[in-house]
Structures are given as C-alpha cells and as structure tokens.
C-alpha atoms as a PDB file:
ATOM      1  CA  UNK A   1    -234.471 232.029 123.356  1.00  0.00           C
ATOM      2  CA  UNK A   2    -231.024 231.865 122.572  1.00  0.00           C
ATOM      3  CA  UNK A   3    -228.330 231.483 125.086  1.00  0.00           C
ATOM      4  CA  UNK A   4    -225.326 233.689 124.512  1.00  0.00           C
ATOM      5  CA  UNK A   5    -222.801 232.161 126.250  1.00  0.00           C
ATOM      6  CA  UNK A   6    -224.288 228.683 123.717  1.00  0.00           C
ATOM      7  CA  UNK A   7    -224.092 230.418 120.729  1.00  0.00           C
ATOM      8  CA  UNK A   8    -221.115 228.818 118.055  1.00  0.00           C
ATOM      9  CA  UNK A   9    -218.160 230.927 117.418  1.00  0.00           C
ATOM     10  CA  UNK A  10    -216.818 232.221 114.096  1.00  0.00           C
ATOM     11  CA  UNK A  11    -213.647 230.037 113.312  1.00  0.00           C
ATOM     12  CA  UNK A  12    -210.764 232.900 113.111  1.00  0.00           C
ATOM     13  CA  UNK A  13    -208.958 231.448 110.621  1.00  0.00           C
ATOM     14  CA  UNK A  14    -207.236 233.468 108.073  1.00  0.00           C
ATOM     15  CA  UNK A  15    -206.683 230.794 105.531  1.00  0.00           C
ATOM     16  CA  UNK A  16    -202.784 231.734 106.430  1.00  0.00           C
ATOM     17  CA  UNK A  17    -202.725 228.195 107.191  1.00  0.00           C
ATOM     18  CA  UNK A  18    -198.620 228.128 108.295  1.00  0.00           C
ATOM     19  CA  UNK A  19    -197.744 225.829 110.896  1.00  0.00           C
ATOM     20  CA  UNK A  20    -194.599 227.100 113.237  1.00  0.00           C
ATOM     21  CA  UNK A  21    -191.811 224.612 114.083  1.00  0.00           C
ATOM     22  CA  UNK A  22    -193.684 224.524 117.882  1.00  0.00           C
ATOM     23  CA  UNK A  23    -197.379 223.720 116.195  1.00  0.00           C
ATOM     24  CA  UNK A  24    -198.818 226.600 116.907  1.00  0.00           C
ATOM     25  CA  UNK A  25    -200.742 228.257 113.433  1.00  0.00           C
ATOM     26  CA  UNK A  26    -198.712 231.115 112.222  1.00  0.00           C
ATOM     27  CA  UNK A  27    -202.724 233.031 110.785  1.00  0.00           C
ATOM     28  CA  UNK A  28    -204.344 232.792 113.491  1.00  0.00           C
ATOM     29  CA  UNK A  29    -202.118 231.742 116.502  1.00  0.00           C
ATOM     30  CA  UNK A  30    -203.666 227.771 117.102  1.00  0.00           C
ATOM     31  CA  UNK A  31    -202.171 225.074 117.436  1.00  0.00           C
ATOM     32  CA  UNK A  32    -202.758 222.213 115.658  1.00  0.00           C
ATOM     33  CA  UNK A  33    -205.327 220.448 118.996  1.00  0.00           C
ATOM     34  CA  UNK A  34    -206.873 223.470 118.744  1.00  0.00           C
ATOM     35  CA  UNK A  35    -207.838 223.698 115.247  1.00  0.00           C
ATOM     36  CA  UNK A  36    -208.542 220.294 114.887  1.00  0.00           C
ATOM     37  CA  UNK A  37    -210.974 220.196 118.130  1.00  0.00           C
ATOM     38  CA  UNK A  38    -212.737 223.701 116.246  1.00  0.00           C
ATOM     39  CA  UNK A  39    -215.983 221.952 114.977  1.00  0.00           C
ATOM     40  CA  UNK A  40    -216.920 219.895 118.088  1.00  0.00           C
ATOM     41  CA  UNK A  41    -215.669 222.596 120.244  1.00  0.00           C
ATOM     42  CA  UNK A  42    -218.770 224.515 122.488  1.00  0.00           C
ATOM     43  CA  UNK A  43    -218.687 228.088 122.368  1.00  0.00           C
ATOM     44  CA  UNK A  44    -217.218 228.360 126.357  1.00  0.00           C
ATOM     45  CA  UNK A  45    -214.205 226.385 124.201  1.00  0.00           C
ATOM     46  CA  UNK A  46    -214.214 228.111 121.457  1.00  0.00           C
ATOM     47  CA  UNK A  47    -213.420 231.524 123.076  1.00  0.00           C
ATOM     48  CA  UNK A  48    -210.534 229.677 125.054  1.00  0.00           C
ATOM     49  CA  UNK A  49    -208.714 228.901 122.018  1.00  0.00           C
ATOM     50  CA  UNK A  50    -210.081 232.681 120.562  1.00  0.00           C
ATOM     51  CA  UNK A  51    -208.205 234.446 123.761  1.00  0.00           C
ATOM     52  CA  UNK A  52    -205.585 231.674 123.664  1.00  0.00           C
ATOM     53  CA  UNK A  53    -205.145 231.665 120.297  1.00  0.00           C
ATOM     54  CA  UNK A  54    -204.721 235.901 120.424  1.00  0.00           C
ATOM     55  CA  UNK A  55    -202.334 236.370 122.893  1.00  0.00           C
ATOM     56  CA  UNK A  56    -200.349 233.287 121.180  1.00  0.00           C
ATOM     57  CA  UNK A  57    -200.482 235.935 118.572  1.00  0.00           C
ATOM     58  CA  UNK A  58    -199.008 238.799 120.059  1.00  0.00           C
ATOM     59  CA  UNK A  59    -196.688 237.729 122.524  1.00  0.00           C
ATOM     60  CA  UNK A  60    -194.992 236.244 119.089  1.00  0.00           C
ATOM     61  CA  UNK A  61    -194.889 239.582 117.044  1.00  0.00           C
ATOM     62  CA  UNK A  62    -194.231 241.064 120.349  1.00  0.00           C
ATOM     63  CA  UNK A  63    -191.092 238.907 120.391  1.00  0.00           C
ATOM     64  CA  UNK A  64    -190.165 239.187 116.004  1.00  0.00           C
ATOM     65  CA  UNK A  65    -190.125 243.030 116.715  1.00  0.00           C
ATOM     66  CA  UNK A  66    -187.397 242.661 120.036  1.00  0.00           C
ATOM     67  CA  UNK A  67    -185.419 240.506 117.369  1.00  0.00           C
ATOM     68  CA  UNK A  68    -185.514 242.924 113.897  1.00  0.00           C
ATOM     69  CA  UNK A  69    -182.448 245.190 114.897  1.00  0.00           C
ATOM     70  CA  UNK A  70    -183.532 248.693 115.309  1.00  0.00           C
ATOM     71  CA  UNK A  71    -183.157 251.466 112.371  1.00  0.00           C
ATOM     72  CA  UNK A  72    -179.998 253.926 112.337  1.00  0.00           C
ATOM     73  CA  UNK A  73    -180.389 257.351 113.327  1.00  0.00           C
END
C-alpha cells in the first residue's frame, strides 16, 4: 500500500514564468530556490512550497489591489 504522504504532487507551475525583482515567480508564487529544488523535494516539502507560494500570490494580489486607485463614484 502506498503512503499518500509520500506521493509527489503536481508542479504548481502555470507556464506563466516571470520572476519579479524579489525573485518570486508571478505565475506560481514560488521563489527561484523553490523552483530549483522542486523535482528533488519530498512530498512534504512540496506541500510546504505550494502553501508558501499560494500565500505569496494572495499577498501580492492584495497589495496590488490596495495600490490601484478606487473607481470614481
């Protein structure tokens, strides 16, 4: 029986690869280092990477939304 905790997960890459000045991909939210180690990382680390990447994307979107001017009422 295969342990589900050890199964590798699909790459979060969205084929929208563009690194921002802080080294974070604008497409998937992973850092340059996380992208580099993805294929050799165990499943638990891949889950941690995906979680951190998702958090970064949410934070980036919130910051962008906050910086956009409000529509005139």
